[in-house]
Amino acid sequence: MTDFVKRFIIFVETSKKTAANAQAVAWGYGERDDLTFDDWRFSASGQEPATHLGCNTQATDEIANKIEGALSQVPFYKVYDLSDGWTWETALADAGLQVIEGLEVIE
């Protein structure tokens, strides 16, 4: 059984989707890592075109350290650690983003 210790919300600029999914694949975190940043779409207005994609992920200690150490230093990622009290609502507000109208995210 995998020991998940943290959960993160991560936003990435749409122009960096390929690089972000490649990073998920390189870490070998789970099935279909190539689609990590694929479904959840966001923009400042909540309208298309989307400017950001997002994911909500659980992390082992190893992956949590990679996320906190690497992704938090890359300007096109916005990383929110739910153990620090972040929620979808507060992370979206902090990032200045809204869910694209007609779509929803799963918490």
C-alpha atoms as a PDB file:
ATOM      1  CA  MET A   1       0.000   0.000   0.000  1.00  0.00           C
ATOM      2  CA  THR A   2       1.354   3.414  -0.956  1.00  0.00           C
ATOM      3  CA  ASP A   3       1.952   5.772   1.959  1.00  0.00           C
ATOM      4  CA  PHE A   4       0.644   9.152   0.813  1.00  0.00           C
ATOM      5  CA  VAL A   5       1.639  11.891   3.238  1.00  0.00           C
ATOM      6  CA  LYS A   6       0.593  15.080   1.452  1.00  0.00           C
ATOM      7  CA  ARG A   7      -1.842  16.420  -1.110  1.00  0.00           C
ATOM      8  CA  PHE A   8      -1.109  19.251  -3.516  1.00  0.00           C
ATOM      9  CA  ILE A   9      -3.005  21.455  -5.936  1.00  0.00           C
ATOM     10  CA  ILE A  10      -0.738  22.403  -8.827  1.00  0.00           C
ATOM     11  CA  PHE A  11      -1.440  24.897 -11.613  1.00  0.00           C
ATOM     12  CA  VAL A  12       0.710  25.161 -14.727  1.00  0.00           C
ATOM     13  CA  GLU A  13       0.548  27.554 -17.662  1.00  0.00           C
ATOM     14  CA  THR A  14      -1.136  25.925 -20.667  1.00  0.00           C
ATOM     15  CA  SER A  15       1.915  26.632 -22.820  1.00  0.00           C
ATOM     16  CA  LYS A  16       3.950  24.388 -20.473  1.00  0.00           C
ATOM     17  CA  LYS A  17       1.543  21.415 -20.576  1.00  0.00           C
ATOM     18  CA  THR A  18       3.917  19.106 -22.471  1.00  0.00           C
ATOM     19  CA  ALA A  19       6.837  19.883 -20.152  1.00  0.00           C
ATOM     20  CA  ALA A  20       4.678  19.457 -17.047  1.00  0.00           C
ATOM     21  CA  ASN A  21       3.317  16.096 -18.193  1.00  0.00           C
ATOM     22  CA  ALA A  22       6.842  14.996 -19.171  1.00  0.00           C
ATOM     23  CA  GLN A  23       7.990  15.802 -15.622  1.00  0.00           C
ATOM     24  CA  ALA A  24       5.175  13.684 -14.186  1.00  0.00           C
ATOM     25  CA  VAL A  25       6.200  10.793 -16.471  1.00  0.00           C
ATOM     26  CA  ALA A  26       9.900  11.170 -15.563  1.00  0.00           C
ATOM     27  CA  TRP A  27       9.068  10.820 -11.874  1.00  0.00           C
ATOM     28  CA  GLY A  28       7.089   7.662 -12.651  1.00  0.00           C
ATOM     29  CA  TYR A  29       4.457   8.630 -10.151  1.00  0.00           C
ATOM     30  CA  GLY A  30       1.428   6.753 -11.458  1.00  0.00           C
ATOM     31  CA  GLU A  31      -0.609   5.521 -14.366  1.00  0.00           C
ATOM     32  CA  ARG A  32      -1.278   7.941 -17.201  1.00  0.00           C
ATOM     33  CA  ASP A  33       1.181  10.564 -15.953  1.00  0.00           C
ATOM     34  CA  ASP A  34       1.204  11.898 -19.510  1.00  0.00           C
ATOM     35  CA  LEU A  35      -2.317  13.166 -18.791  1.00  0.00           C
ATOM     36  CA  THR A  36      -1.619  14.699 -15.370  1.00  0.00           C
ATOM     37  CA  PHE A  37      -2.283  18.212 -16.667  1.00  0.00           C
ATOM     38  CA  ASP A  38      -5.035  17.531 -19.158  1.00  0.00           C
ATOM     39  CA  ASP A  39      -8.595  17.965 -17.911  1.00  0.00           C
ATOM     40  CA  TRP A  40      -8.855  20.830 -15.445  1.00  0.00           C
ATOM     41  CA  ARG A  41      -8.811  24.189 -17.230  1.00  0.00           C
ATOM     42  CA  PHE A  42      -8.627  27.673 -15.707  1.00  0.00           C
ATOM     43  CA  SER A  43      -8.417  31.346 -16.670  1.00  0.00           C
ATOM     44  CA  ALA A  44      -8.677  34.677 -14.879  1.00  0.00           C
ATOM     45  CA  SER A  45     -12.153  35.277 -16.309  1.00  0.00           C
ATOM     46  CA  GLY A  46     -13.474  31.711 -16.134  1.00  0.00           C
ATOM     47  CA  GLN A  47     -13.895  31.815 -19.918  1.00  0.00           C
ATOM     48  CA  GLU A  48     -11.942  30.204 -22.745  1.00  0.00           C
ATOM     49  CA  PRO A  49      -9.191  30.283 -23.689  1.00  0.00           C
ATOM     50  CA  ALA A  50      -7.691  28.566 -20.671  1.00  0.00           C
ATOM     51  CA  THR A  51      -4.424  30.042 -19.444  1.00  0.00           C
ATOM     52  CA  HIS A  52      -3.679  27.349 -16.869  1.00  0.00           C
ATOM     53  CA  LEU A  53      -4.210  23.633 -16.301  1.00  0.00           C
ATOM     54  CA  GLY A  54      -4.307  21.979 -12.918  1.00  0.00           C
ATOM     55  CA  CYS A  55      -4.160  18.800 -10.930  1.00  0.00           C
ATOM     56  CA  ASN A  56      -4.887  17.655  -7.406  1.00  0.00           C
ATOM     57  CA  THR A  57      -2.426  14.959  -6.380  1.00  0.00           C
ATOM     58  CA  GLN A  58      -1.465  12.853  -3.403  1.00  0.00           C
ATOM     59  CA  ALA A  59       2.221  12.460  -2.703  1.00  0.00           C
ATOM     60  CA  THR A  60       4.567  10.097  -0.942  1.00  0.00           C
ATOM     61  CA  ASP A  61       7.451  11.635   1.004  1.00  0.00           C
ATOM     62  CA  GLU A  62       9.696  11.211  -2.042  1.00  0.00           C
ATOM     63  CA  ILE A  63       7.302  12.890  -4.468  1.00  0.00           C
ATOM     64  CA  ALA A  64       6.364  15.592  -1.930  1.00  0.00           C
ATOM     65  CA  ASN A  65      10.050  16.497  -1.611  1.00  0.00           C
ATOM     66  CA  LYS A  66      10.370  16.678  -5.401  1.00  0.00           C
ATOM     67  CA  ILE A  67       7.260  18.829  -5.714  1.00  0.00           C
ATOM     68  CA  GLU A  68       8.307  21.185  -2.932  1.00  0.00           C
ATOM     69  CA  GLY A  69      11.933  21.322  -4.056  1.00  0.00           C
ATOM     70  CA  ALA A  70      11.614  21.476  -7.812  1.00  0.00           C
ATOM     71  CA  LEU A  71       8.209  22.709  -8.877  1.00  0.00           C
ATOM     72  CA  SER A  72       7.998  25.492  -6.330  1.00  0.00           C
ATOM     73  CA  GLN A  73      11.139  27.012  -7.891  1.00  0.00           C
ATOM     74  CA  VAL A  74       9.803  26.973 -11.472  1.00  0.00           C
ATOM     75  CA  PRO A  75       7.874  30.156 -12.288  1.00  0.00           C
ATOM     76  CA  PHE A  76       5.270  28.549 -14.554  1.00  0.00           C
ATOM     77  CA  TYR A  77       4.045  26.280 -11.724  1.00  0.00           C
ATOM     78  CA  LYS A  78       1.908  27.369  -8.785  1.00  0.00           C
ATOM     79  CA  VAL A  79       2.032  24.792  -5.977  1.00  0.00           C
ATOM     80  CA  TYR A  80      -0.353  24.673  -3.009  1.00  0.00           C
ATOM     81  CA  ASP A  81       0.142  22.207  -0.125  1.00  0.00           C
ATOM     82  CA  LEU A  82      -3.252  21.321   1.361  1.00  0.00           C
ATOM     83  CA  SER A  83      -1.599  20.492   4.697  1.00  0.00           C
ATOM     84  CA  ASP A  84      -0.842  24.229   4.933  1.00  0.00           C
ATOM     85  CA  GLY A  85      -4.584  24.945   4.865  1.00  0.00           C
ATOM     86  CA  TRP A  86      -5.019  25.602   1.142  1.00  0.00           C
ATOM     87  CA  THR A  87      -8.306  24.585  -0.509  1.00  0.00           C
ATOM     88  CA  TRP A  88      -9.410  24.734  -4.143  1.00  0.00           C
ATOM     89  CA  GLU A  89     -11.186  27.999  -3.391  1.00  0.00           C
ATOM     90  CA  THR A  90      -8.224  29.673  -1.684  1.00  0.00           C
ATOM     91  CA  ALA A  91      -5.668  28.356  -4.191  1.00  0.00           C
ATOM     92  CA  LEU A  92      -7.749  29.597  -7.138  1.00  0.00           C
ATOM     93  CA  ALA A  93      -8.176  32.996  -5.485  1.00  0.00           C
ATOM     94  CA  ASP A  94      -4.440  33.255  -4.732  1.00  0.00           C
ATOM     95  CA  ALA A  95      -3.550  32.312  -8.310  1.00  0.00           C
ATOM     96  CA  GLY A  96      -6.150  34.728  -9.710  1.00  0.00           C
ATOM     97  CA  LEU A  97      -7.883  31.894 -11.558  1.00  0.00           C
ATOM     98  CA  GLN A  98     -11.397  30.576 -12.048  1.00  0.00           C
ATOM     99  CA  VAL A  99     -12.598  27.228 -13.352  1.00  0.00           C
ATOM    100  CA  ILE A 100     -13.588  27.513 -17.023  1.00  0.00           C
ATOM    101  CA  GLU A 101     -17.353  27.959 -17.135  1.00  0.00           C
ATOM    102  CA  GLY A 102     -19.197  24.672 -17.571  1.00  0.00           C
ATOM    103  CA  LEU A 103     -16.346  22.595 -16.125  1.00  0.00           C
ATOM    104  CA  GLU A 104     -15.754  21.418 -12.582  1.00  0.00           C
ATOM    105  CA  VAL A 105     -12.904  20.101 -10.492  1.00  0.00           C
ATOM    106  CA  ILE A 106     -13.003  17.094  -8.206  1.00  0.00           C
ATOM    107  CA  GLU A 107     -11.642  17.601  -4.720  1.00  0.00           C
END
